[in-house]
Amino acid sequence: MARARFTFRSMNIIWLMTLVLISPVCTAEPEDAHSDGAAETLRAFELEEKADLVANYSTAGKLDIGIGRTDKAQSLHHPIYFPLEELEKFFNNQRHKNLIVVVVAKNVWTDEEFQKNVLKLRDYFVARGYKKIVIQQGLGAGRGIHLEHDAPPKAEQHGGPQPQPSIDPFAEYPTPQRTKQNKAVPDEVTRMLERSSRRPALARQ
C-alpha cells in the first residue's frame, strides 16, 4: 500500500514538474500572437480615425456608407446596403479622397473568394480616385488588416503622361502667295496708312 502510494505521489510530482518546465514554451507563442493581433487591431482603428470615409462591405457584395434608419426607442441603426454600381457617382463626387477604409463582414467565403472581393474593392476605389485604400475585417477579438494599397498617381495609372501633338494655331490659314497682281495693288490697310501720312498735322490750339 505504501509502495503504491509512493508511486502515485512520484507520478504526480513528475507530472507537475513537466508541466512547469513546458508551460513557458507553450504559452510563449499565444502571447506573441495576442500581442501581434492587438497591435494590428490598434493600427486598424487608427486608420479608421484618419479615414475620409468608412464603409462596411457585406457578404452580398454591397456597401453600407452610413445611410439608414435609426430606431431611437431601441437605439439601433438599420443600415441600407447599396450595390457598388449604384454608388459610383457618389464616390466620384467626393472631394476628399486621401484615405478610405472598408470593413468586410465576417463571412463564409473561401480564401479564393475572399481575395477576389478584396481585389475587386481595391480596383473599384482606385477607379474612383482614392489615393489610399485599406481593407479590414472584423474578427472574433479585434480587427485584421488585409490590404493597404497606395494608388499611383493618375498619370502612372495610364502608362505615364501622353505627349500632346503640337498644334500650329495658324495652320488653317494658308500662306498667301505673292503674285504680280497683289504686288501691284496694295491692300486697303496700306492705302489708309499712305493717305494718313500725306495729311498735314493739325496745329495745336
N, C-alpha and C. Protein backbone atom coordinates (compact mmCIF):
# COMPACT_ATOMS: atom_id res chain seq x y z
N MET A 1 0.83 -1.20 0.00
CA MET A 1 0.00 0.00 0.00
C MET A 1 0.86 1.24 0.00
N ALA A 2 1.91 1.18 0.88
CA ALA A 2 2.82 2.33 0.95
C ALA A 2 3.58 2.48 -0.36
N ARG A 3 3.92 1.35 -0.96
CA ARG A 3 4.63 1.39 -2.24
C ARG A 3 3.76 2.01 -3.32
N ALA A 4 2.48 1.62 -3.33
CA ALA A 4 1.56 2.16 -4.32
C ALA A 4 1.36 3.65 -4.11
N ARG A 5 1.26 4.07 -2.81
CA ARG A 5 1.06 5.47 -2.51
C ARG A 5 2.27 6.28 -2.93
N PHE A 6 3.47 5.74 -2.76
CA PHE A 6 4.72 6.42 -3.15
C PHE A 6 4.78 6.59 -4.67
N THR A 7 4.39 5.52 -5.35
CA THR A 7 4.43 5.56 -6.81
C THR A 7 3.47 6.61 -7.33
N PHE A 8 2.28 6.70 -6.75
CA PHE A 8 1.28 7.67 -7.19
C PHE A 8 1.77 9.10 -6.97
N ARG A 9 2.38 9.34 -5.76
CA ARG A 9 2.90 10.67 -5.48
C ARG A 9 4.05 11.02 -6.41
N SER A 10 4.88 10.06 -6.68
CA SER A 10 6.01 10.31 -7.57
C SER A 10 5.54 10.69 -8.96
N MET A 11 4.51 10.02 -9.43
CA MET A 11 3.96 10.32 -10.74
C MET A 11 3.37 11.74 -10.78
N ASN A 12 2.70 12.13 -9.69
CA ASN A 12 2.14 13.48 -9.62
C ASN A 12 3.23 14.55 -9.64
N ILE A 13 4.31 14.29 -8.88
CA ILE A 13 5.42 15.24 -8.83
C ILE A 13 6.06 15.37 -10.21
N ILE A 14 6.29 14.24 -10.86
CA ILE A 14 6.90 14.26 -12.19
C ILE A 14 6.01 15.01 -13.17
N TRP A 15 4.72 14.78 -13.07
CA TRP A 15 3.76 15.45 -13.98
C TRP A 15 3.77 16.95 -13.77
N LEU A 16 3.79 17.38 -12.48
CA LEU A 16 3.80 18.81 -12.17
C LEU A 16 5.08 19.47 -12.64
N MET A 17 6.22 18.78 -12.42
CA MET A 17 7.50 19.33 -12.87
C MET A 17 7.53 19.47 -14.39
N THR A 18 6.98 18.49 -15.07
CA THR A 18 6.94 18.55 -16.54
C THR A 18 6.07 19.70 -17.01
N LEU A 19 4.93 19.91 -16.34
CA LEU A 19 4.01 20.99 -16.70
C LEU A 19 4.67 22.35 -16.50
N VAL A 20 5.42 22.49 -15.37
CA VAL A 20 6.09 23.76 -15.10
C VAL A 20 7.17 24.03 -16.11
N LEU A 21 7.90 22.99 -16.49
CA LEU A 21 9.00 23.16 -17.44
C LEU A 21 8.52 23.51 -18.84
N ILE A 22 7.42 22.90 -19.28
CA ILE A 22 6.98 23.13 -20.67
C ILE A 22 6.02 24.29 -20.78
N SER A 23 5.46 24.78 -19.64
CA SER A 23 4.46 25.84 -19.73
C SER A 23 4.99 27.10 -20.37
N PRO A 24 6.24 27.56 -20.11
CA PRO A 24 6.72 28.76 -20.82
C PRO A 24 6.77 28.59 -22.31
N VAL A 25 7.14 27.36 -22.73
CA VAL A 25 7.23 27.10 -24.17
C VAL A 25 5.85 27.12 -24.79
N CYS A 26 4.87 26.59 -24.07
CA CYS A 26 3.53 26.50 -24.61
C CYS A 26 2.84 27.86 -24.65
N THR A 27 3.14 28.68 -23.65
CA THR A 27 2.42 29.96 -23.59
C THR A 27 3.12 31.06 -24.34
N ALA A 28 4.36 30.86 -24.76
CA ALA A 28 5.11 31.94 -25.43
C ALA A 28 4.46 32.32 -26.75
N GLU A 29 4.07 31.35 -27.55
CA GLU A 29 3.52 31.63 -28.88
C GLU A 29 2.16 32.32 -28.81
N PRO A 30 1.21 31.85 -27.97
CA PRO A 30 -0.06 32.58 -27.89
C PRO A 30 0.11 34.01 -27.41
N GLU A 31 1.05 34.26 -26.47
CA GLU A 31 1.27 35.63 -26.03
C GLU A 31 1.74 36.51 -27.17
N ASP A 32 2.69 35.99 -27.98
CA ASP A 32 3.18 36.74 -29.12
C ASP A 32 2.06 36.98 -30.13
N ALA A 33 1.26 35.94 -30.38
CA ALA A 33 0.16 36.08 -31.33
C ALA A 33 -0.85 37.10 -30.84
N HIS A 34 -1.12 37.06 -29.55
CA HIS A 34 -2.07 38.03 -28.99
C HIS A 34 -1.50 39.44 -29.09
N SER A 35 -0.19 39.56 -28.85
CA SER A 35 0.45 40.87 -28.94
C SER A 35 0.39 41.41 -30.36
N ASP A 36 0.68 40.55 -31.36
CA ASP A 36 0.60 40.97 -32.75
C ASP A 36 -0.81 41.34 -33.14
N GLY A 37 -1.79 40.56 -32.69
CA GLY A 37 -3.18 40.85 -33.00
C GLY A 37 -3.64 42.16 -32.40
N ALA A 38 -3.20 42.45 -31.18
CA ALA A 38 -3.57 43.70 -30.53
C ALA A 38 -2.97 44.89 -31.26
N ALA A 39 -1.71 44.74 -31.71
CA ALA A 39 -1.06 45.83 -32.44
C ALA A 39 -1.75 46.09 -33.77
N GLU A 40 -2.16 45.01 -34.45
CA GLU A 40 -2.85 45.17 -35.73
C GLU A 40 -4.22 45.80 -35.54
N THR A 41 -4.92 45.41 -34.48
CA THR A 41 -6.22 46.00 -34.18
C THR A 41 -6.08 47.48 -33.87
N LEU A 42 -5.05 47.83 -33.10
CA LEU A 42 -4.82 49.24 -32.78
C LEU A 42 -4.56 50.05 -34.04
N ARG A 43 -3.73 49.52 -34.93
CA ARG A 43 -3.44 50.22 -36.18
C ARG A 43 -4.69 50.32 -37.05
N ALA A 44 -5.52 49.27 -37.04
CA ALA A 44 -6.75 49.28 -37.84
C ALA A 44 -7.67 50.42 -37.41
N PHE A 45 -7.82 50.61 -36.11
CA PHE A 45 -8.69 51.68 -35.62
C PHE A 45 -8.06 53.05 -35.81
N GLU A 46 -6.73 53.13 -35.77
CA GLU A 46 -6.07 54.41 -36.06
C GLU A 46 -6.32 54.82 -37.50
N LEU A 47 -6.24 53.87 -38.43
CA LEU A 47 -6.52 54.17 -39.83
C LEU A 47 -7.98 54.58 -40.02
N GLU A 48 -8.86 53.94 -39.29
CA GLU A 48 -10.28 54.29 -39.39
C GLU A 48 -10.52 55.73 -38.93
N GLU A 49 -9.80 56.14 -37.88
CA GLU A 49 -9.95 57.51 -37.38
C GLU A 49 -9.47 58.54 -38.40
N LYS A 50 -8.45 58.19 -39.19
CA LYS A 50 -7.88 59.11 -40.17
C LYS A 50 -8.64 59.11 -41.50
N ALA A 51 -9.51 58.14 -41.69
CA ALA A 51 -10.15 57.95 -42.99
C ALA A 51 -11.11 59.09 -43.32
N ASP A 52 -11.17 59.43 -44.60
CA ASP A 52 -12.16 60.39 -45.09
C ASP A 52 -13.55 59.76 -45.10
N LEU A 53 -13.59 58.43 -45.28
CA LEU A 53 -14.87 57.74 -45.31
C LEU A 53 -14.65 56.29 -44.90
N VAL A 54 -15.58 55.75 -44.10
CA VAL A 54 -15.54 54.35 -43.68
C VAL A 54 -16.80 53.67 -44.19
N ALA A 55 -16.63 52.55 -44.87
CA ALA A 55 -17.77 51.82 -45.42
C ALA A 55 -17.70 50.37 -44.95
N ASN A 56 -18.86 49.74 -44.87
CA ASN A 56 -18.95 48.33 -44.49
C ASN A 56 -19.38 47.51 -45.70
N TYR A 57 -18.68 46.40 -45.92
CA TYR A 57 -18.93 45.55 -47.09
C TYR A 57 -19.56 44.25 -46.63
N SER A 58 -20.72 43.95 -47.20
CA SER A 58 -21.45 42.75 -46.79
C SER A 58 -21.05 41.55 -47.63
N THR A 59 -21.47 40.38 -47.18
CA THR A 59 -21.18 39.15 -47.92
C THR A 59 -21.96 39.10 -49.23
N ALA A 60 -22.98 39.96 -49.37
CA ALA A 60 -23.75 40.03 -50.62
C ALA A 60 -23.07 40.93 -51.65
N GLY A 61 -21.92 41.51 -51.30
CA GLY A 61 -21.21 42.37 -52.24
C GLY A 61 -21.77 43.78 -52.30
N LYS A 62 -22.38 44.26 -51.19
CA LYS A 62 -22.95 45.61 -51.15
C LYS A 62 -22.26 46.43 -50.06
N LEU A 63 -22.38 47.76 -50.18
CA LEU A 63 -21.71 48.67 -49.26
C LEU A 63 -22.70 49.45 -48.41
N ASP A 64 -22.34 49.61 -47.15
CA ASP A 64 -23.05 50.50 -46.22
C ASP A 64 -22.18 51.73 -46.03
N ILE A 65 -22.69 52.90 -46.42
CA ILE A 65 -21.92 54.14 -46.32
C ILE A 65 -22.46 55.05 -45.21
N GLY A 66 -23.20 54.47 -44.28
CA GLY A 66 -23.69 55.23 -43.14
C GLY A 66 -25.11 55.74 -43.28
N ILE A 67 -25.78 55.35 -44.36
CA ILE A 67 -27.17 55.77 -44.56
C ILE A 67 -28.09 54.65 -44.07
N GLY A 68 -29.10 55.02 -43.31
CA GLY A 68 -30.03 54.01 -42.83
C GLY A 68 -31.08 54.59 -41.92
N ARG A 69 -31.84 53.73 -41.32
CA ARG A 69 -32.91 54.13 -40.42
C ARG A 69 -32.49 53.88 -38.98
N THR A 70 -32.73 54.86 -38.12
CA THR A 70 -32.35 54.74 -36.71
C THR A 70 -33.59 54.55 -35.86
N ASP A 71 -33.58 53.50 -35.07
CA ASP A 71 -34.67 53.24 -34.13
C ASP A 71 -34.28 53.86 -32.79
N LYS A 72 -34.81 55.05 -32.52
CA LYS A 72 -34.44 55.77 -31.30
C LYS A 72 -34.90 55.06 -30.05
N ALA A 73 -36.02 54.36 -30.13
CA ALA A 73 -36.55 53.68 -28.95
C ALA A 73 -35.58 52.60 -28.47
N GLN A 74 -35.00 51.87 -29.43
CA GLN A 74 -34.08 50.79 -29.08
C GLN A 74 -32.62 51.16 -29.32
N SER A 75 -32.39 52.40 -29.76
CA SER A 75 -31.03 52.88 -30.04
C SER A 75 -30.31 51.95 -31.03
N LEU A 76 -31.02 51.60 -32.08
CA LEU A 76 -30.46 50.72 -33.09
C LEU A 76 -30.41 51.43 -34.43
N HIS A 77 -29.37 51.14 -35.20
CA HIS A 77 -29.23 51.69 -36.54
C HIS A 77 -29.38 50.56 -37.55
N HIS A 78 -30.28 50.74 -38.49
CA HIS A 78 -30.51 49.74 -39.52
C HIS A 78 -29.92 50.26 -40.84
N PRO A 79 -28.74 49.82 -41.21
CA PRO A 79 -28.09 50.37 -42.40
C PRO A 79 -28.75 49.91 -43.69
N ILE A 80 -28.56 50.72 -44.72
CA ILE A 80 -29.01 50.37 -46.07
C ILE A 80 -27.77 50.05 -46.89
N TYR A 81 -27.76 48.90 -47.52
CA TYR A 81 -26.62 48.47 -48.34
C TYR A 81 -26.93 48.71 -49.81
N PHE A 82 -25.96 49.28 -50.52
CA PHE A 82 -26.12 49.60 -51.93
C PHE A 82 -25.16 48.78 -52.78
N PRO A 83 -25.58 48.36 -53.97
CA PRO A 83 -24.64 47.73 -54.91
C PRO A 83 -23.55 48.73 -55.30
N LEU A 84 -22.39 48.22 -55.63
CA LEU A 84 -21.27 49.09 -56.00
C LEU A 84 -21.62 49.99 -57.18
N GLU A 85 -22.37 49.45 -58.14
CA GLU A 85 -22.69 50.22 -59.34
C GLU A 85 -23.52 51.46 -59.01
N GLU A 86 -24.38 51.37 -58.01
CA GLU A 86 -25.24 52.50 -57.65
C GLU A 86 -24.48 53.60 -56.91
N LEU A 87 -23.28 53.29 -56.44
CA LEU A 87 -22.52 54.27 -55.65
C LEU A 87 -21.38 54.92 -56.43
N GLU A 88 -21.26 54.61 -57.71
CA GLU A 88 -20.16 55.16 -58.49
C GLU A 88 -20.19 56.69 -58.51
N LYS A 89 -21.36 57.26 -58.78
CA LYS A 89 -21.47 58.72 -58.83
C LYS A 89 -21.20 59.34 -57.47
N PHE A 90 -21.68 58.68 -56.41
CA PHE A 90 -21.45 59.18 -55.06
C PHE A 90 -19.96 59.28 -54.76
N PHE A 91 -19.21 58.22 -55.04
CA PHE A 91 -17.78 58.23 -54.75
C PHE A 91 -17.01 59.14 -55.71
N ASN A 92 -17.46 59.21 -56.95
CA ASN A 92 -16.79 60.10 -57.91
C ASN A 92 -16.87 61.56 -57.49
N ASN A 93 -17.97 61.93 -56.83
CA ASN A 93 -18.20 63.32 -56.47
C ASN A 93 -17.62 63.70 -55.11
N GLN A 94 -17.02 62.75 -54.40
CA GLN A 94 -16.43 63.08 -53.10
C GLN A 94 -15.21 63.98 -53.28
N ARG A 95 -15.09 64.99 -52.45
CA ARG A 95 -13.99 65.95 -52.56
C ARG A 95 -12.72 65.45 -51.88
N HIS A 96 -12.87 64.74 -50.77
CA HIS A 96 -11.70 64.28 -50.01
C HIS A 96 -11.49 62.79 -50.27
N LYS A 97 -10.36 62.45 -50.86
CA LYS A 97 -10.11 61.08 -51.27
C LYS A 97 -8.71 60.60 -50.88
N ASN A 98 -8.23 61.07 -49.74
CA ASN A 98 -6.90 60.65 -49.31
C ASN A 98 -6.89 59.21 -48.78
N LEU A 99 -7.96 58.83 -48.06
CA LEU A 99 -7.99 57.50 -47.44
C LEU A 99 -9.42 57.04 -47.27
N ILE A 100 -9.67 55.80 -47.69
CA ILE A 100 -10.96 55.15 -47.43
C ILE A 100 -10.69 53.81 -46.77
N VAL A 101 -11.48 53.50 -45.75
CA VAL A 101 -11.39 52.22 -45.04
C VAL A 101 -12.67 51.44 -45.28
N VAL A 102 -12.50 50.21 -45.74
CA VAL A 102 -13.65 49.32 -45.97
C VAL A 102 -13.53 48.15 -45.00
N VAL A 103 -14.56 47.95 -44.19
CA VAL A 103 -14.57 46.85 -43.22
C VAL A 103 -15.44 45.73 -43.78
N VAL A 104 -14.81 44.62 -44.04
CA VAL A 104 -15.52 43.46 -44.61
C VAL A 104 -16.14 42.66 -43.48
N ALA A 105 -17.37 42.25 -43.70
CA ALA A 105 -18.08 41.49 -42.67
C ALA A 105 -17.47 40.10 -42.50
N LYS A 106 -17.71 39.51 -41.34
CA LYS A 106 -17.32 38.11 -41.14
C LYS A 106 -18.11 37.27 -42.13
N ASN A 107 -17.41 36.40 -42.84
CA ASN A 107 -18.07 35.72 -43.95
C ASN A 107 -17.73 34.24 -43.98
N VAL A 108 -18.37 33.58 -44.91
CA VAL A 108 -18.15 32.14 -45.09
C VAL A 108 -17.48 31.89 -46.45
N TRP A 109 -16.85 32.91 -47.01
CA TRP A 109 -16.16 32.74 -48.28
C TRP A 109 -14.94 31.84 -48.13
N THR A 110 -14.58 31.23 -49.22
CA THR A 110 -13.29 30.54 -49.27
C THR A 110 -12.19 31.60 -49.38
N ASP A 111 -10.96 31.18 -49.17
CA ASP A 111 -9.84 32.13 -49.26
C ASP A 111 -9.77 32.76 -50.65
N GLU A 112 -10.05 31.96 -51.68
CA GLU A 112 -10.01 32.47 -53.05
C GLU A 112 -11.10 33.51 -53.29
N GLU A 113 -12.32 33.23 -52.81
CA GLU A 113 -13.42 34.18 -52.96
C GLU A 113 -13.16 35.47 -52.19
N PHE A 114 -12.58 35.31 -51.01
CA PHE A 114 -12.29 36.48 -50.19
C PHE A 114 -11.26 37.37 -50.89
N GLN A 115 -10.22 36.76 -51.45
CA GLN A 115 -9.19 37.52 -52.13
C GLN A 115 -9.76 38.23 -53.36
N LYS A 116 -10.66 37.59 -54.07
CA LYS A 116 -11.29 38.20 -55.24
C LYS A 116 -12.08 39.45 -54.83
N ASN A 117 -12.79 39.38 -53.72
CA ASN A 117 -13.56 40.53 -53.25
C ASN A 117 -12.66 41.66 -52.80
N VAL A 118 -11.54 41.33 -52.16
CA VAL A 118 -10.59 42.35 -51.72
C VAL A 118 -10.01 43.09 -52.93
N LEU A 119 -9.61 42.35 -53.96
CA LEU A 119 -9.05 42.97 -55.16
C LEU A 119 -10.12 43.76 -55.92
N LYS A 120 -11.34 43.26 -55.88
CA LYS A 120 -12.44 43.97 -56.53
C LYS A 120 -12.66 45.34 -55.88
N LEU A 121 -12.65 45.38 -54.56
CA LEU A 121 -12.81 46.64 -53.84
C LEU A 121 -11.63 47.58 -54.10
N ARG A 122 -10.43 47.02 -54.14
CA ARG A 122 -9.25 47.85 -54.41
C ARG A 122 -9.36 48.52 -55.77
N ASP A 123 -9.67 47.75 -56.80
CA ASP A 123 -9.76 48.31 -58.15
C ASP A 123 -10.92 49.30 -58.26
N TYR A 124 -12.00 49.02 -57.56
CA TYR A 124 -13.17 49.90 -57.60
C TYR A 124 -12.82 51.28 -57.06
N PHE A 125 -12.14 51.34 -55.93
CA PHE A 125 -11.84 52.63 -55.31
C PHE A 125 -10.65 53.33 -55.96
N VAL A 126 -9.76 52.58 -56.57
CA VAL A 126 -8.70 53.22 -57.37
C VAL A 126 -9.33 53.95 -58.55
N ALA A 127 -10.32 53.30 -59.18
CA ALA A 127 -11.01 53.92 -60.31
C ALA A 127 -11.81 55.15 -59.89
N ARG A 128 -12.22 55.21 -58.62
CA ARG A 128 -12.97 56.37 -58.12
C ARG A 128 -12.06 57.51 -57.70
N GLY A 129 -10.73 57.28 -57.75
CA GLY A 129 -9.78 58.35 -57.48
C GLY A 129 -9.22 58.40 -56.07
N TYR A 130 -9.41 57.36 -55.26
CA TYR A 130 -8.89 57.36 -53.89
C TYR A 130 -7.39 57.06 -53.89
N LYS A 131 -6.65 57.79 -53.05
CA LYS A 131 -5.20 57.66 -53.01
C LYS A 131 -4.73 56.47 -52.18
N LYS A 132 -5.45 56.15 -51.10
CA LYS A 132 -5.08 55.02 -50.25
C LYS A 132 -6.34 54.24 -49.90
N ILE A 133 -6.28 52.92 -50.11
CA ILE A 133 -7.41 52.05 -49.83
C ILE A 133 -6.98 51.03 -48.80
N VAL A 134 -7.75 50.92 -47.72
CA VAL A 134 -7.46 49.94 -46.66
C VAL A 134 -8.67 49.02 -46.52
N ILE A 135 -8.41 47.71 -46.59
CA ILE A 135 -9.47 46.71 -46.44
C ILE A 135 -9.23 45.98 -45.12
N GLN A 136 -10.23 46.04 -44.23
CA GLN A 136 -10.14 45.40 -42.93
C GLN A 136 -11.25 44.37 -42.78
N GLN A 137 -11.14 43.60 -41.70
CA GLN A 137 -12.20 42.63 -41.41
C GLN A 137 -12.34 42.48 -39.91
N GLY A 138 -13.58 42.52 -39.44
CA GLY A 138 -13.84 42.30 -38.03
C GLY A 138 -13.60 40.85 -37.66
N LEU A 139 -12.83 40.64 -36.59
CA LEU A 139 -12.51 39.28 -36.13
C LEU A 139 -13.20 39.02 -34.80
N GLY A 140 -13.02 37.81 -34.28
CA GLY A 140 -13.65 37.48 -33.01
C GLY A 140 -13.15 38.37 -31.88
N ALA A 141 -11.85 38.68 -31.91
CA ALA A 141 -11.27 39.56 -30.89
C ALA A 141 -10.36 40.55 -31.60
N GLY A 142 -10.95 41.64 -32.05
CA GLY A 142 -10.14 42.66 -32.71
C GLY A 142 -10.51 42.83 -34.17
N ARG A 143 -9.56 43.36 -34.93
CA ARG A 143 -9.79 43.62 -36.35
C ARG A 143 -8.50 43.41 -37.12
N GLY A 144 -8.60 42.72 -38.24
CA GLY A 144 -7.43 42.45 -39.06
C GLY A 144 -7.38 43.35 -40.28
N ILE A 145 -6.16 43.61 -40.76
CA ILE A 145 -5.95 44.42 -41.96
C ILE A 145 -5.51 43.49 -43.08
N HIS A 146 -6.31 43.43 -44.14
CA HIS A 146 -6.00 42.53 -45.25
C HIS A 146 -5.32 43.24 -46.42
N LEU A 147 -5.50 44.56 -46.51
CA LEU A 147 -4.91 45.27 -47.64
C LEU A 147 -4.69 46.73 -47.27
N GLU A 148 -3.50 47.24 -47.60
CA GLU A 148 -3.18 48.67 -47.55
C GLU A 148 -2.58 49.02 -48.89
N HIS A 149 -3.34 49.70 -49.70
CA HIS A 149 -2.91 49.97 -51.08
C HIS A 149 -2.79 51.46 -51.32
N ASP A 150 -1.60 51.89 -51.74
CA ASP A 150 -1.38 53.27 -52.14
C ASP A 150 -1.47 53.36 -53.66
N ALA A 151 -2.49 54.04 -54.13
CA ALA A 151 -2.71 54.13 -55.57
C ALA A 151 -1.66 55.04 -56.20
N PRO A 152 -1.13 54.65 -57.36
CA PRO A 152 -0.17 55.52 -58.05
C PRO A 152 -0.86 56.76 -58.59
N PRO A 153 -0.09 57.80 -58.88
CA PRO A 153 -0.69 58.99 -59.49
C PRO A 153 -1.43 58.64 -60.77
N LYS A 154 -2.39 59.47 -61.14
CA LYS A 154 -3.23 59.18 -62.31
C LYS A 154 -2.41 59.03 -63.56
N ALA A 155 -1.35 59.82 -63.72
CA ALA A 155 -0.53 59.73 -64.93
C ALA A 155 0.10 58.36 -65.05
N GLU A 156 0.54 57.77 -63.89
CA GLU A 156 1.16 56.46 -63.92
C GLU A 156 0.13 55.37 -64.16
N GLN A 157 -1.12 55.57 -63.71
CA GLN A 157 -2.16 54.57 -63.93
C GLN A 157 -2.42 54.36 -65.40
N HIS A 158 -2.22 55.37 -66.21
CA HIS A 158 -2.48 55.27 -67.64
C HIS A 158 -1.20 55.16 -68.45
N GLY A 159 -0.14 54.66 -67.79
CA GLY A 159 1.10 54.44 -68.51
C GLY A 159 1.94 55.67 -68.70
N GLY A 160 1.80 56.66 -67.83
CA GLY A 160 2.62 57.86 -67.92
C GLY A 160 1.94 58.93 -68.74
N PRO A 161 2.46 60.13 -68.65
CA PRO A 161 1.85 61.23 -69.41
C PRO A 161 1.98 61.03 -70.90
N GLN A 162 0.91 61.25 -71.60
CA GLN A 162 0.90 61.07 -73.04
C GLN A 162 1.33 62.37 -73.72
N PRO A 163 2.25 62.29 -74.69
CA PRO A 163 2.68 63.51 -75.37
C PRO A 163 1.54 64.11 -76.17
N GLN A 164 1.38 65.40 -76.05
CA GLN A 164 0.33 66.09 -76.77
C GLN A 164 0.85 66.54 -78.13
N PRO A 165 0.06 66.33 -79.18
CA PRO A 165 0.51 66.75 -80.51
C PRO A 165 0.62 68.27 -80.58
N SER A 166 1.70 68.71 -81.23
CA SER A 166 1.89 70.16 -81.38
C SER A 166 0.87 70.71 -82.36
N ILE A 167 0.29 71.81 -81.98
CA ILE A 167 -0.77 72.43 -82.80
C ILE A 167 -0.28 73.79 -83.28
N ASP A 168 -0.33 73.98 -84.57
CA ASP A 168 0.04 75.26 -85.15
C ASP A 168 -1.23 76.11 -85.25
N PRO A 169 -1.33 77.18 -84.46
CA PRO A 169 -2.57 77.97 -84.48
C PRO A 169 -2.85 78.63 -85.82
N PHE A 170 -1.82 78.71 -86.66
CA PHE A 170 -2.00 79.36 -87.96
C PHE A 170 -2.09 78.35 -89.10
N ALA A 171 -2.23 77.08 -88.73
CA ALA A 171 -2.23 76.05 -89.77
C ALA A 171 -3.42 76.19 -90.71
N GLU A 172 -4.57 76.65 -90.18
CA GLU A 172 -5.76 76.73 -91.02
C GLU A 172 -5.73 77.94 -91.96
N TYR A 173 -4.77 78.81 -91.73
CA TYR A 173 -4.66 79.98 -92.60
C TYR A 173 -3.50 79.76 -93.57
N PRO A 174 -3.76 79.55 -94.86
CA PRO A 174 -2.68 79.29 -95.81
C PRO A 174 -1.81 80.52 -96.01
N THR A 175 -0.55 80.25 -96.25
CA THR A 175 0.39 81.34 -96.51
C THR A 175 0.05 82.00 -97.84
N PRO A 176 -0.17 83.31 -97.84
CA PRO A 176 -0.55 83.98 -99.11
C PRO A 176 0.60 83.93 -100.11
N GLN A 177 0.22 83.66 -101.32
CA GLN A 177 1.20 83.60 -102.40
C GLN A 177 1.36 84.99 -103.03
N ARG A 178 2.60 85.43 -103.14
CA ARG A 178 2.88 86.72 -103.76
C ARG A 178 2.80 86.59 -105.28
N THR A 179 1.89 87.32 -105.86
CA THR A 179 1.73 87.30 -107.32
C THR A 179 1.91 88.71 -107.85
N LYS A 180 1.97 88.84 -109.15
CA LYS A 180 2.11 90.15 -109.78
C LYS A 180 0.93 91.05 -109.42
N GLN A 181 -0.23 90.40 -109.31
CA GLN A 181 -1.43 91.18 -109.04
C GLN A 181 -1.40 91.80 -107.64
N ASN A 182 -1.09 91.00 -106.59
CA ASN A 182 -1.10 91.57 -105.25
C ASN A 182 0.16 92.37 -104.94
N LYS A 183 1.20 92.26 -105.77
CA LYS A 183 2.35 93.14 -105.63
C LYS A 183 2.02 94.54 -106.13
N ALA A 184 1.26 94.60 -107.21
CA ALA A 184 0.96 95.89 -107.83
C ALA A 184 -0.12 96.65 -107.07
N VAL A 185 -1.03 95.92 -106.43
CA VAL A 185 -2.16 96.55 -105.78
C VAL A 185 -1.99 96.39 -104.27
N PRO A 186 -1.67 97.48 -103.53
CA PRO A 186 -1.55 97.37 -102.07
C PRO A 186 -2.90 97.10 -101.43
N ASP A 187 -2.87 96.51 -100.25
CA ASP A 187 -4.14 96.21 -99.59
C ASP A 187 -4.75 97.49 -99.01
N GLU A 188 -5.95 97.37 -98.49
CA GLU A 188 -6.70 98.52 -98.02
C GLU A 188 -6.02 99.20 -96.84
N VAL A 189 -5.39 98.41 -95.98
CA VAL A 189 -4.72 98.98 -94.81
C VAL A 189 -3.55 99.84 -95.24
N THR A 190 -2.77 99.35 -96.20
CA THR A 190 -1.63 100.11 -96.68
C THR A 190 -2.08 101.43 -97.30
N ARG A 191 -3.17 101.39 -98.03
CA ARG A 191 -3.69 102.61 -98.64
C ARG A 191 -4.10 103.63 -97.57
N MET A 192 -4.73 103.17 -96.50
CA MET A 192 -5.16 104.07 -95.45
C MET A 192 -3.98 104.72 -94.77
N LEU A 193 -2.93 103.95 -94.55
CA LEU A 193 -1.72 104.50 -93.92
C LEU A 193 -1.07 105.54 -94.81
N GLU A 194 -1.03 105.26 -96.08
CA GLU A 194 -0.41 106.21 -97.01
C GLU A 194 -1.20 107.52 -97.03
N ARG A 195 -2.52 107.41 -97.01
CA ARG A 195 -3.35 108.62 -97.05
C ARG A 195 -3.18 109.45 -95.78
N SER A 196 -3.12 108.75 -94.62
CA SER A 196 -2.97 109.49 -93.37
C SER A 196 -1.63 110.17 -93.26
N SER A 197 -0.59 109.58 -93.85
CA SER A 197 0.75 110.20 -93.78
C SER A 197 0.85 111.44 -94.66
N ARG A 198 -0.03 111.54 -95.66
CA ARG A 198 0.02 112.70 -96.55
C ARG A 198 -0.72 113.92 -96.00
N ARG A 199 -1.58 113.67 -94.98
CA ARG A 199 -2.36 114.78 -94.43
C ARG A 199 -1.48 115.63 -93.54
N PRO A 200 -1.61 116.98 -93.63
CA PRO A 200 -0.81 117.84 -92.75
C PRO A 200 -1.28 117.75 -91.31
N ALA A 201 -0.35 117.77 -90.40
CA ALA A 201 -0.69 117.71 -88.99
C ALA A 201 -1.45 118.94 -88.55
N LEU A 202 -2.47 118.78 -87.69
CA LEU A 202 -3.27 119.89 -87.22
C LEU A 202 -2.51 120.66 -86.16
N ALA A 203 -2.54 121.97 -86.30
CA ALA A 203 -1.83 122.81 -85.35
C ALA A 203 -2.55 122.76 -84.01
N ARG A 204 -1.80 122.71 -82.96
CA ARG A 204 -2.39 122.70 -81.62
C ARG A 204 -2.99 124.05 -81.30
N GLN A 205 -4.12 124.01 -80.66
CA GLN A 205 -4.79 125.25 -80.29
C GLN A 205 -4.08 125.88 -79.08
